[in-house]
């Protein structure tokens, strides 16, 4: 069984994988205007997955949360997060 599958079996929502406390700690004083925090990390992880580049701040936040790694590849946790946050449809 893959690591992403194991994470999906243990988590029912994106908040189970990345808690609000973890998100707030990684977020620091970042400001993305009116964009919600979870939307920033969802879009940032998706950009990494499809090969698009993103800004340093969103990349750093996603890396600190374990959604992408230092080589700019999506981790199993990132794949599970994307699935859970988009399984009922995404408005990108």
PDB file of N, CA and C in Angstrom:
ATOM      1  N   UNK A   1       0.844  -1.169   0.000  1.00  0.00           N
ATOM      2  CA  UNK A   1       0.000   0.000   0.000  1.00  0.00           C
ATOM      3  C   UNK A   1       0.896   1.242   0.000  1.00  0.00           C
ATOM      4  N   UNK A   2       0.567   2.225  -0.828  1.00  0.00           N
ATOM      5  CA  UNK A   2       1.384   3.428  -0.915  1.00  0.00           C
ATOM      6  C   UNK A   2       1.182   4.315   0.312  1.00  0.00           C
ATOM      7  N   UNK A   3       2.136   5.191   0.530  1.00  0.00           N
ATOM      8  CA  UNK A   3       2.064   6.117   1.664  1.00  0.00           C
ATOM      9  C   UNK A   3       0.851   7.031   1.532  1.00  0.00           C
ATOM     10  N   UNK A   4       0.549   7.492   0.318  1.00  0.00           N
ATOM     11  CA  UNK A   4      -0.615   8.351   0.101  1.00  0.00           C
ATOM     12  C   UNK A   4      -1.906   7.605   0.445  1.00  0.00           C
ATOM     13  N   UNK A   5      -1.983   6.342   0.084  1.00  0.00           N
ATOM     14  CA  UNK A   5      -3.166   5.543   0.403  1.00  0.00           C
ATOM     15  C   UNK A   5      -3.312   5.378   1.912  1.00  0.00           C
ATOM     16  N   UNK A   6      -2.202   5.145   2.588  1.00  0.00           N
ATOM     17  CA  UNK A   6      -2.244   5.038   4.051  1.00  0.00           C
ATOM     18  C   UNK A   6      -2.756   6.331   4.681  1.00  0.00           C
ATOM     19  N   UNK A   7      -2.279   7.457   4.172  1.00  0.00           N
ATOM     20  CA  UNK A   7      -2.729   8.745   4.696  1.00  0.00           C
ATOM     21  C   UNK A   7      -4.220   8.963   4.449  1.00  0.00           C
ATOM     22  N   UNK A   8      -4.688   8.542   3.272  1.00  0.00           N
ATOM     23  CA  UNK A   8      -6.113   8.696   2.960  1.00  0.00           C
ATOM     24  C   UNK A   8      -6.990   7.835   3.850  1.00  0.00           C
ATOM     25  N   UNK A   9      -6.502   6.668   4.216  1.00  0.00           N
ATOM     26  CA  UNK A   9      -7.282   5.798   5.112  1.00  0.00           C
ATOM     27  C   UNK A   9      -7.385   6.393   6.506  1.00  0.00           C
ATOM     28  N   UNK A  10      -6.384   7.177   6.900  1.00  0.00           N
ATOM     29  CA  UNK A  10      -6.361   7.758   8.240  1.00  0.00           C
ATOM     30  C   UNK A  10      -7.021   9.133   8.299  1.00  0.00           C
ATOM     31  N   UNK A  11      -7.268   9.757   7.157  1.00  0.00           N
ATOM     32  CA  UNK A  11      -7.799  11.122   7.132  1.00  0.00           C
ATOM     33  C   UNK A  11      -9.103  11.183   6.346  1.00  0.00           C
ATOM     34  N   UNK A  12     -10.051  11.926   6.877  1.00  0.00           N
ATOM     35  CA  UNK A  12     -11.326  12.090   6.195  1.00  0.00           C
ATOM     36  C   UNK A  12     -11.444  13.451   5.521  1.00  0.00           C
ATOM     37  N   UNK A  13     -10.658  14.421   5.997  1.00  0.00           N
ATOM     38  CA  UNK A  13     -10.723  15.778   5.466  1.00  0.00           C
ATOM     39  C   UNK A  13      -9.307  16.332   5.311  1.00  0.00           C
ATOM     40  N   UNK A  14      -9.149  17.396   4.529  1.00  0.00           N
ATOM     41  CA  UNK A  14      -7.826  18.024   4.429  1.00  0.00           C
ATOM     42  C   UNK A  14      -7.328  18.515   5.792  1.00  0.00           C
ATOM     43  N   UNK A  15      -8.248  18.915   6.644  1.00  0.00           N
ATOM     44  CA  UNK A  15      -7.888  19.400   7.977  1.00  0.00           C
ATOM     45  C   UNK A  15      -7.293  18.300   8.849  1.00  0.00           C
ATOM     46  N   UNK A  16      -7.582  17.039   8.524  1.00  0.00           N
ATOM     47  CA  UNK A  16      -6.973  15.925   9.249  1.00  0.00           C
ATOM     48  C   UNK A  16      -5.487  15.788   8.900  1.00  0.00           C
ATOM     49  N   UNK A  17      -5.131  16.164   7.668  1.00  0.00           N
ATOM     50  CA  UNK A  17      -3.733  16.066   7.228  1.00  0.00           C
ATOM     51  C   UNK A  17      -2.922  17.295   7.615  1.00  0.00           C
ATOM     52  N   UNK A  18      -3.514  18.467   7.475  1.00  0.00           N
ATOM     53  CA  UNK A  18      -2.861  19.724   7.843  1.00  0.00           C
ATOM     54  C   UNK A  18      -3.815  20.452   8.786  1.00  0.00           C
ATOM     55  N   UNK A  19      -3.470  20.450  10.052  1.00  0.00           N
ATOM     56  CA  UNK A  19      -4.342  21.090  11.042  1.00  0.00           C
ATOM     57  C   UNK A  19      -4.248  22.609  10.927  1.00  0.00           C
ATOM     58  N   UNK A  20      -5.224  23.282  11.490  1.00  0.00           N
ATOM     59  CA  UNK A  20      -5.206  24.741  11.487  1.00  0.00           C
ATOM     60  C   UNK A  20      -3.985  25.274  12.221  1.00  0.00           C
ATOM     61  N   UNK A  21      -3.590  24.619  13.302  1.00  0.00           N
ATOM     62  CA  UNK A  21      -2.404  25.046  14.054  1.00  0.00           C
ATOM     63  C   UNK A  21      -1.140  24.933  13.195  1.00  0.00           C
ATOM     64  N   UNK A  22      -0.991  23.814  12.474  1.00  0.00           N
ATOM     65  CA  UNK A  22       0.166  23.638  11.594  1.00  0.00           C
ATOM     66  C   UNK A  22       0.169  24.698  10.495  1.00  0.00           C
ATOM     67  N   UNK A  23      -1.003  24.938   9.942  1.00  0.00           N
ATOM     68  CA  UNK A  23      -1.133  25.913   8.870  1.00  0.00           C
ATOM     69  C   UNK A  23      -0.774  27.311   9.363  1.00  0.00           C
ATOM     70  N   UNK A  24      -1.290  27.696  10.501  1.00  0.00           N
ATOM     71  CA  UNK A  24      -1.005  29.025  11.045  1.00  0.00           C
ATOM     72  C   UNK A  24       0.473  29.191  11.388  1.00  0.00           C
ATOM     73  N   UNK A  25       1.102  28.143  11.892  1.00  0.00           N
ATOM     74  CA  UNK A  25       2.525  28.203  12.224  1.00  0.00           C
ATOM     75  C   UNK A  25       3.361  28.385  10.959  1.00  0.00           C
ATOM     76  N   UNK A  26       3.069  27.617   9.915  1.00  0.00           N
ATOM     77  CA  UNK A  26       3.818  27.723   8.661  1.00  0.00           C
ATOM     78  C   UNK A  26       3.521  29.036   7.940  1.00  0.00           C
ATOM     79  N   UNK A  27       2.325  29.558   8.120  1.00  0.00           N
ATOM     80  CA  UNK A  27       1.876  30.751   7.417  1.00  0.00           C
ATOM     81  C   UNK A  27       2.636  31.994   7.850  1.00  0.00           C
ATOM     82  N   UNK A  28       2.888  32.123   9.157  1.00  0.00           N
ATOM     83  CA  UNK A  28       3.583  33.304   9.662  1.00  0.00           C
ATOM     84  C   UNK A  28       2.825  34.576   9.342  1.00  0.00           C
ATOM     85  N   UNK A  29       3.509  35.543   8.763  1.00  0.00           N
ATOM     86  CA  UNK A  29       2.906  36.842   8.424  1.00  0.00           C
ATOM     87  C   UNK A  29       2.609  36.971   6.934  1.00  0.00           C
ATOM     88  N   UNK A  30       2.514  35.872   6.230  1.00  0.00           N
ATOM     89  CA  UNK A  30       2.266  35.912   4.787  1.00  0.00           C
ATOM     90  C   UNK A  30       0.924  36.570   4.491  1.00  0.00           C
ATOM     91  N   UNK A  31       0.859  37.214   3.337  1.00  0.00           N
ATOM     92  CA  UNK A  31      -0.366  37.900   2.937  1.00  0.00           C
ATOM     93  C   UNK A  31      -0.614  37.622   1.459  1.00  0.00           C
ATOM     94  N   UNK A  32      -1.711  36.960   1.170  1.00  0.00           N
ATOM     95  CA  UNK A  32      -2.091  36.655  -0.206  1.00  0.00           C
ATOM     96  C   UNK A  32      -3.396  37.355  -0.561  1.00  0.00           C
ATOM     97  N   UNK A  33      -3.608  38.523   0.005  1.00  0.00           N
ATOM     98  CA  UNK A  33      -4.825  39.280  -0.270  1.00  0.00           C
ATOM     99  C   UNK A  33      -6.040  38.555   0.270  1.00  0.00           C
ATOM    100  N   UNK A  34      -7.052  38.404  -0.550  1.00  0.00           N
ATOM    101  CA  UNK A  34      -8.290  37.767  -0.121  1.00  0.00           C
ATOM    102  C   UNK A  34      -8.310  36.261  -0.276  1.00  0.00           C
ATOM    103  N   UNK A  35      -7.218  35.684  -0.718  1.00  0.00           N
ATOM    104  CA  UNK A  35      -7.160  34.238  -0.928  1.00  0.00           C
ATOM    105  C   UNK A  35      -7.072  33.521   0.418  1.00  0.00           C
ATOM    106  N   UNK A  36      -7.897  32.512   0.616  1.00  0.00           N
ATOM    107  CA  UNK A  36      -7.888  31.778   1.871  1.00  0.00           C
ATOM    108  C   UNK A  36      -6.646  30.897   1.965  1.00  0.00           C
ATOM    109  N   UNK A  37      -6.212  30.657   3.192  1.00  0.00           N
ATOM    110  CA  UNK A  37      -4.977  29.902   3.429  1.00  0.00           C
ATOM    111  C   UNK A  37      -5.012  28.532   2.777  1.00  0.00           C
ATOM    112  N   UNK A  38      -6.103  27.816   2.944  1.00  0.00           N
ATOM    113  CA  UNK A  38      -6.171  26.461   2.384  1.00  0.00           C
ATOM    114  C   UNK A  38      -6.211  26.479   0.859  1.00  0.00           C
ATOM    115  N   UNK A  39      -6.745  27.529   0.290  1.00  0.00           N
ATOM    116  CA  UNK A  39      -6.731  27.649  -1.167  1.00  0.00           C
ATOM    117  C   UNK A  39      -5.302  27.875  -1.657  1.00  0.00           C
ATOM    118  N   UNK A  40      -4.524  28.664  -0.932  1.00  0.00           N
ATOM    119  CA  UNK A  40      -3.133  28.921  -1.311  1.00  0.00           C
ATOM    120  C   UNK A  40      -2.338  27.623  -1.314  1.00  0.00           C
ATOM    121  N   UNK A  41      -2.496  26.802  -0.281  1.00  0.00           N
ATOM    122  CA  UNK A  41      -1.701  25.568  -0.246  1.00  0.00           C
ATOM    123  C   UNK A  41      -2.225  24.529  -1.233  1.00  0.00           C
ATOM    124  N   UNK A  42      -3.524  24.533  -1.488  1.00  0.00           N
ATOM    125  CA  UNK A  42      -4.068  23.606  -2.489  1.00  0.00           C
ATOM    126  C   UNK A  42      -3.552  23.973  -3.874  1.00  0.00           C
ATOM    127  N   UNK A  43      -3.628  25.241  -4.226  1.00  0.00           N
ATOM    128  CA  UNK A  43      -3.166  25.694  -5.535  1.00  0.00           C
ATOM    129  C   UNK A  43      -1.652  25.537  -5.649  1.00  0.00           C
ATOM    130  N   UNK A  44      -0.922  25.836  -4.576  1.00  0.00           N
ATOM    131  CA  UNK A  44       0.530  25.683  -4.596  1.00  0.00           C
ATOM    132  C   UNK A  44       0.958  24.241  -4.806  1.00  0.00           C
ATOM    133  N   UNK A  45       0.281  23.328  -4.145  1.00  0.00           N
ATOM    134  CA  UNK A  45       0.595  21.905  -4.305  1.00  0.00           C
ATOM    135  C   UNK A  45       0.235  21.437  -5.708  1.00  0.00           C
ATOM    136  N   UNK A  46      -0.887  21.899  -6.211  1.00  0.00           N
ATOM    137  CA  UNK A  46      -1.303  21.542  -7.565  1.00  0.00           C
ATOM    138  C   UNK A  46      -0.328  22.088  -8.605  1.00  0.00           C
ATOM    139  N   UNK A  47       0.127  23.329  -8.431  1.00  0.00           N
ATOM    140  CA  UNK A  47       1.111  23.901  -9.362  1.00  0.00           C
ATOM    141  C   UNK A  47       2.377  23.050  -9.399  1.00  0.00           C
ATOM    142  N   UNK A  48       2.820  22.623  -8.249  1.00  0.00           N
ATOM    143  CA  UNK A  48       3.999  21.768  -8.184  1.00  0.00           C
ATOM    144  C   UNK A  48       3.745  20.463  -8.928  1.00  0.00           C
ATOM    145  N   UNK A  49       2.592  19.863  -8.705  1.00  0.00           N
ATOM    146  CA  UNK A  49       2.266  18.584  -9.324  1.00  0.00           C
ATOM    147  C   UNK A  49       2.271  18.658 -10.852  1.00  0.00           C
ATOM    148  N   UNK A  50       1.744  19.740 -11.400  1.00  0.00           N
ATOM    149  CA  UNK A  50       1.645  19.844 -12.862  1.00  0.00           C
ATOM    150  C   UNK A  50       2.859  20.520 -13.504  1.00  0.00           C
ATOM    151  N   UNK A  51       3.841  20.926 -12.685  1.00  0.00           N
ATOM    152  CA  UNK A  51       5.071  21.463 -13.233  1.00  0.00           C
ATOM    153  C   UNK A  51       5.130  22.968 -13.379  1.00  0.00           C
ATOM    154  N   UNK A  52       4.169  23.689 -12.819  1.00  0.00           N
ATOM    155  CA  UNK A  52       4.215  25.150 -12.848  1.00  0.00           C
ATOM    156  C   UNK A  52       5.004  25.658 -11.654  1.00  0.00           C
ATOM    157  N   UNK A  53       5.604  26.805 -11.823  1.00  0.00           N
ATOM    158  CA  UNK A  53       6.336  27.419 -10.720  1.00  0.00           C
ATOM    159  C   UNK A  53       5.409  28.339  -9.953  1.00  0.00           C
ATOM    160  N   UNK A  54       5.804  28.618  -8.713  1.00  0.00           N
ATOM    161  CA  UNK A  54       5.022  29.493  -7.862  1.00  0.00           C
ATOM    162  C   UNK A  54       5.967  30.395  -7.100  1.00  0.00           C
ATOM    163  N   UNK A  55       5.412  31.307  -6.364  1.00  0.00           N
ATOM    164  CA  UNK A  55       6.220  32.225  -5.584  1.00  0.00           C
ATOM    165  C   UNK A  55       6.941  31.540  -4.435  1.00  0.00           C
ATOM    166  N   UNK A  56       7.984  32.212  -3.954  1.00  0.00           N
ATOM    167  CA  UNK A  56       8.809  31.665  -2.886  1.00  0.00           C
ATOM    168  C   UNK A  56       8.004  31.423  -1.616  1.00  0.00           C
ATOM    169  N   UNK A  57       7.127  32.356  -1.272  1.00  0.00           N
ATOM    170  CA  UNK A  57       6.402  32.239  -0.004  1.00  0.00           C
ATOM    171  C   UNK A  57       5.456  31.047  -0.005  1.00  0.00           C
ATOM    172  N   UNK A  58       4.658  30.886  -1.039  1.00  0.00           N
ATOM    173  CA  UNK A  58       3.732  29.752  -1.067  1.00  0.00           C
ATOM    174  C   UNK A  58       4.501  28.431  -1.159  1.00  0.00           C
ATOM    175  N   UNK A  59       5.605  28.426  -1.883  1.00  0.00           N
ATOM    176  CA  UNK A  59       6.440  27.223  -1.976  1.00  0.00           C
ATOM    177  C   UNK A  59       7.001  26.865  -0.598  1.00  0.00           C
ATOM    178  N   UNK A  60       7.455  27.859   0.139  1.00  0.00           N
ATOM    179  CA  UNK A  60       8.006  27.627   1.473  1.00  0.00           C
ATOM    180  C   UNK A  60       6.940  27.098   2.422  1.00  0.00           C
ATOM    181  N   UNK A  61       5.750  27.657   2.363  1.00  0.00           N
ATOM    182  CA  UNK A  61       4.653  27.200   3.227  1.00  0.00           C
ATOM    183  C   UNK A  61       4.323  25.740   2.915  1.00  0.00           C
ATOM    184  N   UNK A  62       4.188  25.412   1.647  1.00  0.00           N
ATOM    185  CA  UNK A  62       3.875  24.026   1.252  1.00  0.00           C
ATOM    186  C   UNK A  62       4.981  23.064   1.670  1.00  0.00           C
ATOM    187  N   UNK A  63       6.222  23.517   1.583  1.00  0.00           N
ATOM    188  CA  UNK A  63       7.356  22.681   1.986  1.00  0.00           C
ATOM    189  C   UNK A  63       7.334  22.455   3.494  1.00  0.00           C
ATOM    190  N   UNK A  64       7.112  23.519   4.256  1.00  0.00           N
ATOM    191  CA  UNK A  64       7.061  23.386   5.713  1.00  0.00           C
ATOM    192  C   UNK A  64       5.932  22.466   6.167  1.00  0.00           C
ATOM    193  N   UNK A  65       4.856  22.434   5.414  1.00  0.00           N
ATOM    194  CA  UNK A  65       3.721  21.573   5.754  1.00  0.00           C
ATOM    195  C   UNK A  65       3.925  20.138   5.281  1.00  0.00           C
ATOM    196  N   UNK A  66       4.996  19.893   4.533  1.00  0.00           N
ATOM    197  CA  UNK A  66       5.279  18.544   4.056  1.00  0.00           C
ATOM    198  C   UNK A  66       4.477  18.143   2.835  1.00  0.00           C
ATOM    199  N   UNK A  67       3.915  19.120   2.119  1.00  0.00           N
ATOM    200  CA  UNK A  67       3.122  18.825   0.932  1.00  0.00           C
ATOM    201  C   UNK A  67       3.992  18.703  -0.315  1.00  0.00           C
ATOM    202  N   UNK A  68       5.109  19.425  -0.331  1.00  0.00           N
ATOM    203  CA  UNK A  68       6.093  19.299  -1.394  1.00  0.00           C
ATOM    204  C   UNK A  68       7.462  19.173  -0.726  1.00  0.00           C
ATOM    205  N   UNK A  69       8.429  18.641  -1.465  1.00  0.00           N
ATOM    206  CA  UNK A  69       9.754  18.471  -0.874  1.00  0.00           C
ATOM    207  C   UNK A  69      10.734  19.499  -1.442  1.00  0.00           C
ATOM    208  N   UNK A  70      11.970  19.441  -0.971  1.00  0.00           N
ATOM    209  CA  UNK A  70      12.995  20.410  -1.365  1.00  0.00           C
ATOM    210  C   UNK A  70      13.342  20.319  -2.853  1.00  0.00           C
ATOM    211  N   UNK A  71      13.067  19.182  -3.480  1.00  0.00           N
ATOM    212  CA  UNK A  71      13.329  19.012  -4.910  1.00  0.00           C
ATOM    213  C   UNK A  71      12.139  19.439  -5.764  1.00  0.00           C
ATOM    214  N   UNK A  72      11.150  20.080  -5.150  1.00  0.00           N
ATOM    215  CA  UNK A  72       9.933  20.565  -5.802  1.00  0.00           C
ATOM    216  C   UNK A  72       9.130  19.422  -6.427  1.00  0.00           C
ATOM    217  N   UNK A  73       8.934  18.398  -5.618  1.00  0.00           N
ATOM    218  CA  UNK A  73       8.090  17.260  -5.987  1.00  0.00           C
ATOM    219  C   UNK A  73       7.000  17.120  -4.931  1.00  0.00           C
ATOM    220  N   UNK A  74       5.811  16.749  -5.353  1.00  0.00           N
ATOM    221  CA  UNK A  74       4.703  16.557  -4.415  1.00  0.00           C
ATOM    222  C   UNK A  74       4.955  15.288  -3.610  1.00  0.00           C
ATOM    223  N   UNK A  75       4.784  15.389  -2.310  1.00  0.00           N
ATOM    224  CA  UNK A  75       4.974  14.247  -1.411  1.00  0.00           C
ATOM    225  C   UNK A  75       3.690  13.417  -1.351  1.00  0.00           C
ATOM    226  N   UNK A  76       3.748  12.236  -0.787  1.00  0.00           N
ATOM    227  CA  UNK A  76       2.513  11.468  -0.584  1.00  0.00           C
ATOM    228  C   UNK A  76       1.474  12.244   0.232  1.00  0.00           C
ATOM    229  N   UNK A  77       1.933  12.986   1.218  1.00  0.00           N
ATOM    230  CA  UNK A  77       1.008  13.817   2.004  1.00  0.00           C
ATOM    231  C   UNK A  77       0.359  14.875   1.114  1.00  0.00           C
ATOM    232  N   UNK A  78       1.133  15.456   0.199  1.00  0.00           N
ATOM    233  CA  UNK A  78       0.595  16.440  -0.735  1.00  0.00           C
ATOM    234  C   UNK A  78      -0.437  15.840  -1.675  1.00  0.00           C
ATOM    235  N   UNK A  79      -0.171  14.635  -2.158  1.00  0.00           N
ATOM    236  CA  UNK A  79      -1.136  13.951  -3.031  1.00  0.00           C
ATOM    237  C   UNK A  79      -2.439  13.664  -2.289  1.00  0.00           C
ATOM    238  N   UNK A  80      -2.307  13.199  -1.056  1.00  0.00           N
ATOM    239  CA  UNK A  80      -3.497  12.922  -0.255  1.00  0.00           C
ATOM    240  C   UNK A  80      -4.254  14.216   0.026  1.00  0.00           C
ATOM    241  N   UNK A  81      -3.532  15.292   0.325  1.00  0.00           N
ATOM    242  CA  UNK A  81      -4.179  16.578   0.592  1.00  0.00           C
ATOM    243  C   UNK A  81      -4.952  17.049  -0.639  1.00  0.00           C
ATOM    244  N   UNK A  82      -4.324  16.971  -1.810  1.00  0.00           N
ATOM    245  CA  UNK A  82      -5.015  17.378  -3.036  1.00  0.00           C
ATOM    246  C   UNK A  82      -6.270  16.553  -3.275  1.00  0.00           C
ATOM    247  N   UNK A  83      -6.164  15.253  -3.092  1.00  0.00           N
ATOM    248  CA  UNK A  83      -7.327  14.399  -3.301  1.00  0.00           C
ATOM    249  C   UNK A  83      -8.464  14.795  -2.358  1.00  0.00           C
ATOM    250  N   UNK A  84      -8.148  14.929  -1.077  1.00  0.00           N
ATOM    251  CA  UNK A  84      -9.190  15.252  -0.105  1.00  0.00           C
ATOM    252  C   UNK A  84      -9.788  16.638  -0.340  1.00  0.00           C
ATOM    253  N   UNK A  85      -8.979  17.581  -0.791  1.00  0.00           N
ATOM    254  CA  UNK A  85      -9.502  18.928  -0.985  1.00  0.00           C
ATOM    255  C   UNK A  85     -10.224  19.104  -2.324  1.00  0.00           C
ATOM    256  N   UNK A  86     -10.050  18.160  -3.252  1.00  0.00           N
ATOM    257  CA  UNK A  86     -10.685  18.283  -4.570  1.00  0.00           C
ATOM    258  C   UNK A  86     -11.657  17.155  -4.912  1.00  0.00           C
ATOM    259  N   UNK A  87     -11.838  16.207  -4.016  1.00  0.00           N
ATOM    260  CA  UNK A  87     -12.649  15.037  -4.375  1.00  0.00           C
ATOM    261  C   UNK A  87     -14.107  15.363  -4.638  1.00  0.00           C
ATOM    262  N   UNK A  88     -14.606  16.453  -4.085  1.00  0.00           N
ATOM    263  CA  UNK A  88     -15.993  16.847  -4.338  1.00  0.00           C
ATOM    264  C   UNK A  88     -16.070  17.996  -5.313  1.00  0.00           C
ATOM    265  N   UNK A  89     -14.979  18.220  -6.032  1.00  0.00           N
ATOM    266  CA  UNK A  89     -14.923  19.294  -7.017  1.00  0.00           C
ATOM    267  C   UNK A  89     -14.071  20.452  -6.523  1.00  0.00           C
ATOM    268  N   UNK A  90     -13.377  21.050  -7.455  1.00  0.00           N
ATOM    269  CA  UNK A  90     -12.528  22.193  -7.147  1.00  0.00           C
ATOM    270  C   UNK A  90     -12.938  23.353  -8.045  1.00  0.00           C
ATOM    271  N   UNK A  91     -12.880  24.525  -7.503  1.00  0.00           N
ATOM    272  CA  UNK A  91     -13.144  25.715  -8.288  1.00  0.00           C
ATOM    273  C   UNK A  91     -11.824  26.458  -8.450  1.00  0.00           C
ATOM    274  N   UNK A  92     -11.072  26.076  -9.455  1.00  0.00           N
ATOM    275  CA  UNK A  92      -9.764  26.707  -9.671  1.00  0.00           C
ATOM    276  C   UNK A  92      -9.835  27.745 -10.744  1.00  0.00           C
TER     277      UNK A  92
END
